[in-house]
């Protein structure tokens, strides 16, 4: 069994069928079992469903408000799959799933062409073993699709650099970068291959880069970007709507250069990725690095472009993101395929070496001890774990102990000489548990579907709802006409606008207030509120419009947006 999983079969067809089935089962398990979860998933699902119900695909909206944070390709993909499947729960994660499978296929095929079938198989297993790759393939964030395009670009460029000349692949690589830019602005990341490539080309270790070819590539990139960007610029520039001009300036300037150089969110120190992200994101690959480093160095001194190109690009990407004050762990995902490509020729040796296997064995034992101990402490009522249980509404103590026992049994069965297999199999067991029971446990807490059904029942068929300081997951599940006051509007400006709106029909209008904002509601009788319970780490109150009688409203204090997906006749309900 283990030999069929971790060594290629002599029958090549059987080898790749087995690998494909494993990849699909691992990455697709749990599909349709949950709703979109914060922070990012509900936003993109809302964007997509709003596109479907309004027919406005070119410029994304969120709750009736223009959404300028990201270009539209991921939202188009989400809308397509939600429409195709007729189900938000299935369709919203399919862009990431197919992007993950596509990324995996590109890495495996490139490694196969560079080193042969056996190493390609091992590189595929390495991808499927790595925590961040599987996590993002199961998560409907934009970064897995971005990584597919950056990997396609890497594939095209390396086909030309190492296996070329192949100018068609070179051009396709730049076109893929253009698609990556239309997915998320940093789609140009594979350009990090070029500095080492230029040096290797001068020394005869790679296909040389010429100015003509570079201009052709950049031209392909710009053609793809302008296919959406030029119509968008024309539409927003010649419109009489000032909000469209603001959208243009925001997405072209604020969400690109300004966001990188002067970030206003997710502020982290320069060493954040090296210390807090990559040790877990690249697990278990990082366990092999002490033994891989000497071999890498020998290959670099020989001028081996197959290793130096992806490895140098990883270093430049990590430096690039580390220089920006705004950092998120998911930004490292595009580096992972490059790291696997760089590690690929060493995998057969690392797979057999004592040191990496002992490191994997120790890591598996550490997981076993940690999970078993956490389970025992949870059963004993350890205060921090009790707080965690209340926060998420779950008590997984027995399951944690069971997972710890599984890790221990795998370690005892396979012994230290197969430590890398131990930790890989344990991660797959962990993903199996999380994608089934974990989803079933967490979905009622992370998704407000049930709470918003209660809100709709309490508001009534003729009622309307205002969301104060709204969250996308709440707006996504709103099933009565719902308004909000803008994503970036300060709450002190939202409140007068909300009071004015409620006063227009106080018997039929309500406001949903989260506990963290209740202290800012300085006017009104919150004693009239209905308790909507605990949802996604917060308590929620549904307050009738009559509770704000006499509060000074101001129609001009904030904008007012009506969410198209909340209207009963919008057709959005068919996707839920």
Protein backbone atom coordinates (compact mmCIF):
# COMPACT_ATOMS: atom_id res chain seq x y z
CA UNK A 1 0.00 0.00 0.00
CA UNK A 2 2.68 2.47 1.02
CA UNK A 3 4.85 1.57 -1.96
CA UNK A 4 1.96 2.32 -4.33
CA UNK A 5 1.42 5.68 -2.66
CA UNK A 6 4.98 6.88 -2.35
CA UNK A 7 6.69 5.18 -5.28
CA UNK A 8 5.56 5.22 -8.90
CA UNK A 9 4.26 1.95 -10.33
CA UNK A 10 5.92 0.45 -13.39
CA UNK A 11 2.65 0.97 -15.25
CA UNK A 12 2.74 4.72 -15.97
CA UNK A 13 -1.00 4.91 -16.61
CA UNK A 14 -1.80 3.29 -13.28
CA UNK A 15 0.69 5.61 -11.57
CA UNK A 16 -0.96 8.77 -12.77
CA UNK A 17 -4.53 7.52 -12.38
CA UNK A 18 -3.73 6.65 -8.76
CA UNK A 19 -2.14 10.04 -8.23
CA UNK A 20 -5.08 11.87 -9.82
CA UNK A 21 -7.64 10.01 -7.70
CA UNK A 22 -5.62 10.78 -4.55
CA UNK A 23 -5.38 14.46 -5.44
CA UNK A 24 -9.08 14.84 -6.21
CA UNK A 25 -10.17 12.94 -3.09
CA UNK A 26 -7.89 14.95 -0.82
CA UNK A 27 -8.66 18.39 -2.24
CA UNK A 28 -12.38 17.89 -3.01
CA UNK A 29 -13.37 16.15 0.21
CA UNK A 30 -15.98 18.25 2.00
CA UNK A 31 -17.19 20.00 -1.14
CA UNK A 32 -20.71 21.32 -0.51
CA UNK A 33 -20.56 20.67 3.24
CA UNK A 34 -20.24 24.29 4.32
CA UNK A 35 -21.08 27.89 3.55
CA UNK A 36 -18.46 30.59 2.83
CA UNK A 37 -16.58 31.50 6.01
CA UNK A 38 -14.98 34.81 7.01
CA UNK A 39 -12.74 36.59 6.39
CA UNK A 40 -12.67 36.59 2.58
CA UNK A 41 -14.99 33.84 1.35
CA UNK A 42 -18.36 35.55 1.99
CA UNK A 43 -17.15 38.70 0.24
CA UNK A 44 -16.32 36.94 -3.01
CA UNK A 45 -19.46 34.78 -2.89
CA UNK A 46 -21.50 37.95 -2.43
CA UNK A 47 -19.68 39.63 -5.34
CA UNK A 48 -20.41 36.61 -7.53
CA UNK A 49 -24.08 36.22 -6.67
CA UNK A 50 -24.60 39.96 -7.09
CA UNK A 51 -23.13 39.67 -10.59
CA UNK A 52 -25.59 36.86 -11.36
CA UNK A 53 -28.69 38.70 -10.12
CA UNK A 54 -27.84 42.13 -11.57
CA UNK A 55 -26.04 41.09 -14.77
CA UNK A 56 -23.31 43.64 -14.01
CA UNK A 57 -20.11 41.62 -14.51
CA UNK A 58 -17.56 44.17 -15.66
CA UNK A 59 -17.20 46.12 -12.43
CA UNK A 60 -17.74 44.15 -9.20
CA UNK A 61 -20.16 45.34 -6.52
CA UNK A 62 -20.68 44.30 -2.91
CA UNK A 63 -24.11 44.96 -1.45
CA UNK A 64 -24.82 47.55 -4.14
CA UNK A 65 -21.53 49.38 -3.45
CA UNK A 66 -18.64 49.36 -5.90
CA UNK A 67 -15.91 46.93 -4.83
CA UNK A 68 -12.46 48.19 -5.80
CA UNK A 69 -10.19 46.00 -3.69
CA UNK A 70 -9.55 43.37 -6.37
CA UNK A 71 -9.90 42.93 -10.16
CA UNK A 72 -12.77 40.70 -11.28
CA UNK A 73 -11.36 37.38 -12.59
CA UNK A 74 -11.84 35.42 -9.36
CA UNK A 75 -15.35 36.82 -8.98
CA UNK A 76 -16.14 35.85 -12.57
CA UNK A 77 -14.94 32.31 -11.88
CA UNK A 78 -17.01 32.12 -8.69
CA UNK A 79 -20.10 33.42 -10.49
CA UNK A 80 -19.62 30.89 -13.30
CA UNK A 81 -19.37 27.88 -11.01
CA UNK A 82 -22.23 29.02 -8.76
CA UNK A 83 -24.37 29.43 -11.89
CA UNK A 84 -23.19 26.12 -13.37
CA UNK A 85 -23.88 24.09 -10.22
CA UNK A 86 -26.91 26.11 -9.10
CA UNK A 87 -25.47 26.00 -5.58
CA UNK A 88 -23.40 28.51 -3.67
CA UNK A 89 -22.19 25.84 -1.25
CA UNK A 90 -20.69 23.82 -4.10
CA UNK A 91 -19.77 26.52 -6.60
CA UNK A 92 -18.04 29.06 -4.38
CA UNK A 93 -15.00 26.86 -3.69
CA UNK A 94 -14.64 25.30 -7.17
CA UNK A 95 -12.34 28.06 -8.53
CA UNK A 96 -9.82 27.26 -5.79
CA UNK A 97 -10.25 23.52 -6.20
CA UNK A 98 -9.66 23.56 -9.95
CA UNK A 99 -6.85 26.10 -9.57
CA UNK A 100 -5.21 23.80 -7.03
CA UNK A 101 -5.51 20.79 -9.31
CA UNK A 102 -4.20 22.86 -12.23
CA UNK A 103 -1.25 24.12 -10.20
CA UNK A 104 -0.46 20.56 -9.15
CA UNK A 105 -0.62 19.34 -12.76
CA UNK A 106 1.68 22.12 -13.97
CA UNK A 107 4.31 21.41 -11.30
CA UNK A 108 4.22 17.67 -11.91
CA UNK A 109 4.42 18.01 -15.69
CA UNK A 110 7.30 20.49 -15.56
CA UNK A 111 9.25 18.29 -13.14
CA UNK A 112 8.52 15.25 -15.34
CA UNK A 113 10.02 17.03 -18.33
CA UNK A 114 13.04 18.14 -16.28
CA UNK A 115 13.80 14.94 -14.35
CA UNK A 116 11.49 12.07 -15.33
CA UNK A 117 8.41 10.27 -14.05
CA UNK A 118 9.64 9.13 -10.64
CA UNK A 119 10.75 12.55 -9.46
CA UNK A 120 7.57 14.08 -10.90
CA UNK A 121 5.52 11.66 -8.81
CA UNK A 122 7.45 12.57 -5.67
CA UNK A 123 7.05 16.29 -6.37
CA UNK A 124 3.29 15.79 -6.65
CA UNK A 125 3.21 13.96 -3.32
CA UNK A 126 5.29 16.79 -1.82
CA UNK A 127 2.71 19.34 -3.01
CA UNK A 128 -0.17 17.32 -1.58
CA UNK A 129 1.67 16.91 1.72
CA UNK A 130 2.27 20.63 2.20
CA UNK A 131 -0.13 22.31 4.60
CA UNK A 132 -0.68 25.65 2.89
CA UNK A 133 -1.31 24.13 -0.53
CA UNK A 134 -4.10 21.83 0.66
CA UNK A 135 -5.55 24.54 2.90
CA UNK A 136 -5.83 27.07 0.09
CA UNK A 137 -7.18 24.54 -2.43
CA UNK A 138 -10.03 24.02 0.04
CA UNK A 139 -10.51 27.73 0.72
CA UNK A 140 -12.35 30.17 -1.56
CA UNK A 141 -9.78 32.92 -1.31
CA UNK A 142 -8.32 34.60 -4.35
CA UNK A 143 -4.77 33.36 -3.80
CA UNK A 144 -5.12 29.81 -5.14
CA UNK A 145 -6.29 31.12 -8.51
CA UNK A 146 -3.47 33.69 -8.45
CA UNK A 147 -1.04 30.85 -7.76
CA UNK A 148 -2.37 28.88 -10.72
CA UNK A 149 -1.64 31.80 -13.05
CA UNK A 150 1.81 32.48 -11.55
CA UNK A 151 2.62 28.77 -11.82
CA UNK A 152 1.41 28.70 -15.44
CA UNK A 153 3.69 31.68 -16.07
CA UNK A 154 6.59 29.87 -14.38
CA UNK A 155 5.85 26.77 -16.44
CA UNK A 156 5.89 28.76 -19.69
CA UNK A 157 9.04 30.69 -18.85
CA UNK A 158 10.96 27.62 -17.71
CA UNK A 159 9.88 25.64 -20.77
CA UNK A 160 11.63 28.36 -22.77
CA UNK A 161 14.60 28.89 -20.44
CA UNK A 162 15.57 25.29 -19.73
CA UNK A 163 13.80 23.14 -22.31
CA UNK A 164 13.67 25.66 -25.15
CA UNK A 165 13.83 27.62 -27.20
CA UNK A 166 10.04 27.68 -26.94
CA UNK A 167 8.80 31.19 -27.69
CA UNK A 168 5.16 30.11 -27.65
CA UNK A 169 5.52 29.07 -24.02
CA UNK A 170 7.43 32.30 -23.29
CA UNK A 171 4.54 34.37 -24.61
CA UNK A 172 1.98 32.23 -22.80
CA UNK A 173 3.92 32.75 -19.57
CA UNK A 174 3.62 36.52 -19.88
CA UNK A 175 -0.05 36.26 -20.84
CA UNK A 176 -0.59 34.18 -17.68
CA UNK A 177 1.03 36.96 -15.66
CA UNK A 178 -1.50 39.35 -17.18
CA UNK A 179 -4.32 37.07 -16.06
CA UNK A 180 -2.69 36.92 -12.64
CA UNK A 181 -2.68 40.71 -12.44
CA UNK A 182 -6.41 40.72 -13.26
CA UNK A 183 -6.87 38.21 -10.44
CA UNK A 184 -4.74 40.02 -7.87
CA UNK A 185 -2.34 42.82 -8.64
CA UNK A 186 0.83 40.84 -7.88
CA UNK A 187 0.39 38.48 -10.84
CA UNK A 188 3.76 39.71 -12.15
CA UNK A 189 5.63 37.70 -9.47
CA UNK A 190 7.23 35.23 -11.95
CA UNK A 191 9.33 38.13 -13.24
CA UNK A 192 11.49 37.21 -10.23
CA UNK A 193 12.89 34.44 -12.46
CA UNK A 194 14.52 36.95 -14.79
CA UNK A 195 17.59 38.20 -12.83
CA UNK A 196 19.09 34.71 -12.39
CA UNK A 197 17.93 33.79 -15.88
CA UNK A 198 19.83 36.73 -17.39
CA UNK A 199 23.03 35.64 -15.64
CA UNK A 200 22.57 31.99 -16.60
CA UNK A 201 21.84 32.97 -20.19
CA UNK A 202 25.08 34.94 -20.42
CA UNK A 203 27.01 31.89 -19.22
CA UNK A 204 25.28 29.47 -21.58
CA UNK A 205 23.32 27.62 -18.88
CA UNK A 206 19.89 28.80 -20.10
CA UNK A 207 18.26 30.14 -23.23
CA UNK A 208 19.43 33.78 -23.45
CA UNK A 209 16.93 36.60 -22.93
CA UNK A 210 16.83 39.08 -25.81
CA UNK A 211 15.30 42.54 -25.81
CA UNK A 212 12.99 41.56 -28.64
CA UNK A 213 11.65 38.55 -26.79
CA UNK A 214 11.27 40.57 -23.60
CA UNK A 215 9.23 43.21 -25.43
CA UNK A 216 7.07 40.51 -26.99
CA UNK A 217 6.42 39.01 -23.58
CA UNK A 218 5.58 42.33 -21.95
CA UNK A 219 3.30 43.08 -24.88
CA UNK A 220 1.39 39.83 -24.27
CA UNK A 221 1.07 40.74 -20.60
CA UNK A 222 -0.34 44.18 -21.36
CA UNK A 223 -2.75 42.85 -23.99
CA UNK A 224 -4.37 40.62 -21.37
CA UNK A 225 -4.49 43.36 -18.74
CA UNK A 226 -5.90 45.91 -21.17
CA UNK A 227 -8.61 43.49 -22.32
CA UNK A 228 -10.38 44.35 -19.07
CA UNK A 229 -8.49 47.45 -17.97
CA UNK A 230 -9.01 49.62 -21.04
CA UNK A 231 -12.83 49.27 -21.18
CA UNK A 232 -12.94 49.79 -17.41
CA UNK A 233 -10.90 53.00 -17.69
CA UNK A 234 -13.08 54.29 -20.51
CA UNK A 235 -16.32 53.44 -18.71
CA UNK A 236 -15.26 55.07 -15.47
CA UNK A 237 -13.56 58.10 -17.02
CA UNK A 238 -16.41 59.15 -19.28
CA UNK A 239 -19.19 58.39 -16.81
CA UNK A 240 -21.00 61.15 -14.95
CA UNK A 241 -20.92 59.01 -11.80
CA UNK A 242 -18.10 60.22 -9.49
CA UNK A 243 -18.12 56.88 -7.66
CA UNK A 244 -16.92 55.18 -10.86
CA UNK A 245 -13.98 57.59 -11.15
CA UNK A 246 -13.17 56.87 -7.52
CA UNK A 247 -13.31 53.13 -8.32
CA UNK A 248 -10.84 53.61 -11.18
CA UNK A 249 -8.35 55.54 -9.05
CA UNK A 250 -8.72 53.12 -6.16
CA UNK A 251 -8.04 49.94 -8.11
CA UNK A 252 -5.27 51.45 -10.28
CA UNK A 253 -3.34 53.25 -7.56
CA UNK A 254 -4.50 52.73 -3.98
CA UNK A 255 -4.86 48.94 -4.21
CA UNK A 256 -1.49 48.53 -5.95
CA UNK A 257 1.47 50.76 -5.19
CA UNK A 258 -0.02 52.50 -2.17
CA UNK A 259 -1.18 49.24 -0.60
CA UNK A 260 2.32 47.80 -0.97
CA UNK A 261 4.36 50.81 0.12
CA UNK A 262 2.06 52.30 2.75
CA UNK A 263 -0.22 49.46 3.88
CA UNK A 264 -3.03 50.33 6.28
CA UNK A 265 -3.92 46.80 7.44
CA UNK A 266 -2.25 43.52 8.49
CA UNK A 267 0.86 45.36 9.67
CA UNK A 268 3.65 42.95 10.60
CA UNK A 269 7.44 43.14 11.22
CA UNK A 270 9.88 42.37 8.41
CA UNK A 271 10.64 38.88 9.74
CA UNK A 272 6.97 37.83 9.89
CA UNK A 273 7.13 35.38 7.00
CA UNK A 274 10.40 33.79 8.03
CA UNK A 275 9.39 33.26 11.65
CA UNK A 276 5.60 32.99 11.76
CA UNK A 277 4.43 31.79 8.35
CA UNK A 278 6.87 29.67 6.34
CA UNK A 279 7.68 27.19 9.16
CA UNK A 280 4.07 25.95 9.10
CA UNK A 281 3.06 26.89 5.53
CA UNK A 282 5.87 24.83 3.99
CA UNK A 283 5.51 21.96 6.46
CA UNK A 284 6.73 19.21 5.98
CA UNK A 285 9.07 20.50 3.24
CA UNK A 286 10.95 22.66 5.76
CA UNK A 287 12.03 19.53 7.61
CA UNK A 288 14.28 18.64 4.66
CA UNK A 289 15.99 22.02 4.27
CA UNK A 290 19.07 21.36 6.44
CA UNK A 291 19.93 18.37 4.21
CA UNK A 292 18.79 20.00 0.97
CA UNK A 293 20.89 23.15 1.40
CA UNK A 294 24.35 21.61 0.66
CA UNK A 295 23.01 19.94 -2.49
CA UNK A 296 21.37 23.17 -3.61
CA UNK A 297 24.67 24.97 -3.16
CA UNK A 298 26.54 22.43 -5.31
CA UNK A 299 23.94 22.75 -8.07
CA UNK A 300 24.04 26.54 -7.91
CA UNK A 301 27.84 26.52 -8.30
CA UNK A 302 27.43 24.28 -11.36
CA UNK A 303 24.95 26.75 -12.83
CA UNK A 304 22.02 24.29 -12.81
CA UNK A 305 19.21 26.50 -14.13
CA UNK A 306 16.58 23.92 -13.15
CA UNK A 307 17.31 24.64 -9.49
CA UNK A 308 18.72 28.16 -9.52
CA UNK A 309 15.79 29.73 -11.38
CA UNK A 310 12.98 28.65 -9.03
CA UNK A 311 15.11 28.96 -5.89
CA UNK A 312 16.24 32.51 -6.69
CA UNK A 313 12.64 33.46 -7.51
CA UNK A 314 11.47 32.17 -4.11
CA UNK A 315 14.10 34.28 -2.34
CA UNK A 316 13.16 37.43 -4.30
CA UNK A 317 9.44 36.90 -3.68
CA UNK A 318 9.92 36.48 0.07
CA UNK A 319 12.09 39.62 0.15
CA UNK A 320 9.54 41.51 -1.97
CA UNK A 321 6.66 40.74 0.38
CA UNK A 322 8.79 41.22 3.50
CA UNK A 323 9.61 44.79 2.49
CA UNK A 324 5.94 45.78 2.56
CA UNK A 325 4.54 46.65 6.01
CA UNK A 326 1.26 44.87 5.19
CA UNK A 327 1.61 41.09 5.39
CA UNK A 328 -0.68 38.06 5.34
CA UNK A 329 0.40 34.44 5.45
CA UNK A 330 -1.51 33.63 2.29
CA UNK A 331 0.78 35.94 0.28
CA UNK A 332 3.41 33.19 0.43
CA UNK A 333 1.32 30.68 -1.51
CA UNK A 334 2.79 31.53 -4.98
CA UNK A 335 6.25 30.63 -3.68
CA UNK A 336 5.27 27.05 -2.87
CA UNK A 337 5.21 25.56 -6.41
CA UNK A 338 8.60 27.15 -7.07
CA UNK A 339 9.98 25.66 -3.87
CA UNK A 340 8.76 22.19 -4.83
CA UNK A 341 10.33 22.55 -8.30
CA UNK A 342 13.63 23.57 -6.69
CA UNK A 343 13.45 20.69 -4.22
CA UNK A 344 12.33 18.09 -6.79
CA UNK A 345 15.70 16.58 -7.87
CA UNK A 346 16.66 16.07 -4.24
CA UNK A 347 13.46 14.26 -3.23
CA UNK A 348 14.59 10.68 -4.00
CA UNK A 349 17.66 11.11 -1.80
CA UNK A 350 15.86 13.05 0.95
CA UNK A 351 13.11 10.42 1.01
CA UNK A 352 15.72 7.81 2.03
CA UNK A 353 18.01 9.88 4.27
CA UNK A 354 17.96 9.26 7.98
CA UNK A 355 17.99 12.91 9.05
CA UNK A 356 14.84 14.18 7.28
CA UNK A 357 12.93 11.04 8.26
CA UNK A 358 13.88 11.41 11.90
CA UNK A 359 12.75 15.03 11.76
CA UNK A 360 9.41 13.90 10.33
CA UNK A 361 9.10 11.22 12.99
CA UNK A 362 9.75 13.73 15.78
CA UNK A 363 7.26 16.13 14.25
CA UNK A 364 4.58 13.41 14.17
CA UNK A 365 5.27 12.58 17.82
CA UNK A 366 5.02 16.28 18.66
CA UNK A 367 1.59 16.47 17.00
CA UNK A 368 0.54 13.33 18.85
CA UNK A 369 1.60 14.73 22.19
CA UNK A 370 0.13 18.16 21.57
CA UNK A 371 -3.28 16.88 20.45
CA UNK A 372 -3.54 14.25 23.17
CA UNK A 373 -2.55 16.75 25.85
CA UNK A 374 -4.97 19.37 24.55
CA UNK A 375 -7.77 16.78 24.55
CA UNK A 376 -7.07 15.77 28.15
CA UNK A 377 -6.86 19.39 29.30
CA UNK A 378 -10.11 20.19 27.51
CA UNK A 379 -11.88 17.33 29.27
CA UNK A 380 -10.43 18.57 32.56
CA UNK A 381 -11.92 22.03 32.02
CA UNK A 382 -8.68 23.93 31.36
CA UNK A 383 -9.78 27.58 31.28
CA UNK A 384 -8.19 28.76 28.00
CA UNK A 385 -9.64 25.75 26.17
CA UNK A 386 -13.03 26.30 27.77
CA UNK A 387 -12.92 29.86 26.45
CA UNK A 388 -12.06 28.52 22.99
CA UNK A 389 -14.96 26.07 23.16
CA UNK A 390 -17.37 28.88 24.04
CA UNK A 391 -16.00 31.09 21.29
CA UNK A 392 -16.63 28.52 18.56
CA UNK A 393 -19.41 26.49 20.14
CA UNK A 394 -17.55 23.15 19.94
CA UNK A 395 -15.88 20.69 22.33
CA UNK A 396 -13.54 18.57 20.20
CA UNK A 397 -11.61 17.05 23.10
CA UNK A 398 -12.22 13.37 22.32
CA UNK A 399 -11.54 13.94 18.63
CA UNK A 400 -8.26 15.68 19.39
CA UNK A 401 -7.23 12.77 21.57
CA UNK A 402 -8.18 10.35 18.77
CA UNK A 403 -6.09 12.29 16.25
CA UNK A 404 -3.17 12.25 18.66
CA UNK A 405 -3.49 8.48 18.99
CA UNK A 406 -3.59 8.14 15.18
CA UNK A 407 -0.34 10.13 14.90
CA UNK A 408 1.26 7.94 17.57
CA UNK A 409 0.12 4.70 15.91
CA UNK A 410 1.45 5.81 12.53
CA UNK A 411 4.81 6.66 14.13
CA UNK A 412 5.00 3.30 15.91
CA UNK A 413 3.99 1.40 12.77
CA UNK A 414 6.32 3.07 10.27
CA UNK A 415 9.22 3.82 12.63
CA UNK A 416 11.76 6.69 12.33
CA UNK A 417 13.15 5.46 9.00
CA UNK A 418 9.84 6.42 7.34
CA UNK A 419 9.24 9.60 9.30
CA UNK A 420 8.39 11.72 6.25
CA UNK A 421 5.69 9.22 5.29
CA UNK A 422 4.39 9.29 8.87
CA UNK A 423 3.90 13.05 8.93
CA UNK A 424 2.43 13.08 5.41
CA UNK A 425 -0.13 10.37 6.22
CA UNK A 426 -1.02 12.13 9.46
CA UNK A 427 -1.65 15.40 7.62
CA UNK A 428 -3.94 13.56 5.20
CA UNK A 429 -5.86 12.02 8.11
CA UNK A 430 -6.11 15.47 9.65
CA UNK A 431 -7.49 16.93 6.40
CA UNK A 432 -9.99 14.08 6.19
CA UNK A 433 -11.27 14.82 9.69
CA UNK A 434 -11.34 18.59 9.16
CA UNK A 435 -13.12 18.35 5.80
CA UNK A 436 -15.94 16.25 7.24
CA UNK A 437 -16.56 16.48 10.96
CA UNK A 438 -14.66 19.75 11.29
CA UNK A 439 -16.85 21.37 8.64
CA UNK A 440 -20.01 20.01 10.26
CA UNK A 441 -19.01 21.39 13.63
CA UNK A 442 -17.74 24.77 12.53
CA UNK A 443 -20.30 25.71 9.89
CA UNK A 444 -23.14 26.62 12.30
CA UNK A 445 -20.74 28.97 14.09
CA UNK A 446 -18.93 30.44 11.08
CA UNK A 447 -22.02 30.81 8.82
CA UNK A 448 -24.92 33.08 9.86
CA UNK A 449 -27.40 31.20 7.65
CA UNK A 450 -29.58 30.06 10.58
CA UNK A 451 -29.36 33.37 12.41
CA UNK A 452 -30.39 35.32 9.33
CA UNK A 453 -33.34 32.95 8.83
CA UNK A 454 -34.46 33.87 12.35
CA UNK A 455 -33.94 37.55 11.55
CA UNK A 456 -36.13 37.21 8.44
CA UNK A 457 -38.85 35.50 10.48
CA UNK A 458 -38.79 38.24 13.15
CA UNK A 459 -38.70 41.12 10.65
CA UNK A 460 -41.57 39.62 8.68
CA UNK A 461 -42.37 39.54 4.96
CA UNK A 462 -43.03 43.28 4.80
CA UNK A 463 -40.12 44.32 6.97
CA UNK A 464 -36.75 45.84 6.04
CA UNK A 465 -33.36 45.61 7.69
CA UNK A 466 -30.37 47.91 8.22
CA UNK A 467 -26.91 46.54 8.90
CA UNK A 468 -24.74 48.70 11.11
CA UNK A 469 -21.03 48.37 10.36
CA UNK A 470 -21.88 45.38 8.18
CA UNK A 471 -20.03 42.12 7.64
CA UNK A 472 -20.22 40.43 4.25
CA UNK A 473 -21.31 37.08 5.70
CA UNK A 474 -24.36 38.76 7.24
CA UNK A 475 -25.26 40.55 4.02
CA UNK A 476 -24.72 37.36 2.01
CA UNK A 477 -27.47 35.55 3.95
CA UNK A 478 -29.89 38.48 4.28
CA UNK A 479 -33.31 37.41 2.98
CA UNK A 480 -35.31 40.59 3.57
CA UNK A 481 -34.61 43.94 1.83
CA UNK A 482 -31.41 45.09 3.50
CA UNK A 483 -29.49 48.35 3.45
CA UNK A 484 -26.07 49.34 4.69
CA UNK A 485 -24.07 52.55 4.84
CA UNK A 486 -20.80 51.80 3.11
CA UNK A 487 -17.88 49.56 3.91
CA UNK A 488 -15.50 52.30 5.07
CA UNK A 489 -18.01 54.71 6.65
CA UNK A 490 -17.18 55.45 10.32
CA UNK A 491 -19.86 54.22 12.69
CA UNK A 492 -20.44 57.72 14.07
CA UNK A 493 -21.60 58.73 10.59
CA UNK A 494 -23.53 55.53 9.97
CA UNK A 495 -25.74 55.97 13.03
CA UNK A 496 -27.44 59.29 12.09
CA UNK A 497 -28.11 57.92 8.60
CA UNK A 498 -29.53 54.72 10.10
CA UNK A 499 -31.79 56.67 12.46
CA UNK A 500 -33.10 58.75 9.58
CA UNK A 501 -33.83 55.60 7.55
CA UNK A 502 -35.54 53.84 10.47
CA UNK A 503 -37.67 56.91 11.21
CA UNK A 504 -39.23 56.77 7.74
CA UNK A 505 -41.12 53.58 8.66
CA UNK A 506 -40.28 52.60 12.25
CA UNK A 507 -42.95 49.89 12.51
CA UNK A 508 -41.55 47.91 9.57
CA UNK A 509 -37.83 48.66 9.79
CA UNK A 510 -35.20 47.05 12.00
CA UNK A 511 -31.47 47.30 12.64
CA UNK A 512 -29.04 44.45 13.31
CA UNK A 513 -26.32 45.40 15.80
CA UNK A 514 -23.27 43.36 16.83
CA UNK A 515 -22.12 43.43 20.46
CA UNK A 516 -18.87 45.28 19.73
CA UNK A 517 -20.85 48.21 18.25
CA UNK A 518 -23.62 48.34 20.84
CA UNK A 519 -21.68 50.76 23.04
CA UNK A 520 -21.55 53.24 20.14
CA UNK A 521 -25.36 53.31 19.87
CA UNK A 522 -25.79 56.32 22.15
CA UNK A 523 -29.45 56.97 21.32
CA UNK A 524 -32.31 54.50 21.50
CA UNK A 525 -33.69 51.83 23.77
CA UNK A 526 -31.71 48.65 23.23
CA UNK A 527 -33.91 47.01 25.84
CA UNK A 528 -36.46 46.48 23.04
CA UNK A 529 -33.94 44.39 21.09
CA UNK A 530 -34.40 40.72 20.29
CA UNK A 531 -31.45 38.51 21.16
CA UNK A 532 -30.29 36.74 17.98
CA UNK A 533 -27.74 34.66 19.86
CA UNK A 534 -24.02 34.02 19.41
CA UNK A 535 -22.64 33.94 15.89
CA UNK A 536 -19.05 33.94 14.64
CA UNK A 537 -17.54 35.00 17.98
CA UNK A 538 -20.10 37.77 18.61
CA UNK A 539 -23.56 38.31 20.07
CA UNK A 540 -26.17 39.97 17.88
CA UNK A 541 -29.21 42.14 18.62
CA UNK A 542 -32.18 42.83 16.34
CA UNK A 543 -33.53 46.25 17.28
CA UNK A 544 -36.95 47.54 16.06
CA UNK A 545 -37.14 50.98 14.49
CA UNK A 546 -39.49 52.10 17.25
CA UNK A 547 -36.60 51.82 19.73
CA UNK A 548 -34.97 54.88 18.11
CA UNK A 549 -37.89 57.28 18.31
CA UNK A 550 -36.60 60.81 18.85
CA UNK A 551 -33.02 60.04 17.71
CA UNK A 552 -31.63 62.81 15.50
CA UNK A 553 -31.28 61.43 12.00
CA UNK A 554 -29.20 62.92 9.20
CA UNK A 555 -29.85 61.85 5.60
CA UNK A 556 -26.57 63.40 4.45
CA UNK A 557 -24.22 61.84 7.02
CA UNK A 558 -23.52 58.64 5.06
CA UNK A 559 -24.42 56.92 1.79
CA UNK A 560 -27.20 54.34 1.68
CA UNK A 561 -26.87 51.11 -0.33
CA UNK A 562 -29.59 48.55 -0.98
CA UNK A 563 -28.19 45.02 -1.39
CA UNK A 564 -29.68 43.53 -4.59
CA UNK A 565 -29.19 39.97 -3.36
CA UNK A 566 -31.46 40.62 -0.35
CA UNK A 567 -34.52 41.45 -2.43
CA UNK A 568 -37.10 38.62 -2.45
CA UNK A 569 -37.57 38.78 -6.23
CA UNK A 570 -33.83 38.98 -7.06
CA UNK A 571 -33.50 35.26 -7.67
CA UNK A 572 -30.53 34.98 -5.28
CA UNK A 573 -32.37 32.46 -3.11
CA UNK A 574 -32.10 29.79 -5.82
CA UNK A 575 -28.35 29.53 -5.17
CA UNK A 576 -28.74 28.86 -1.44
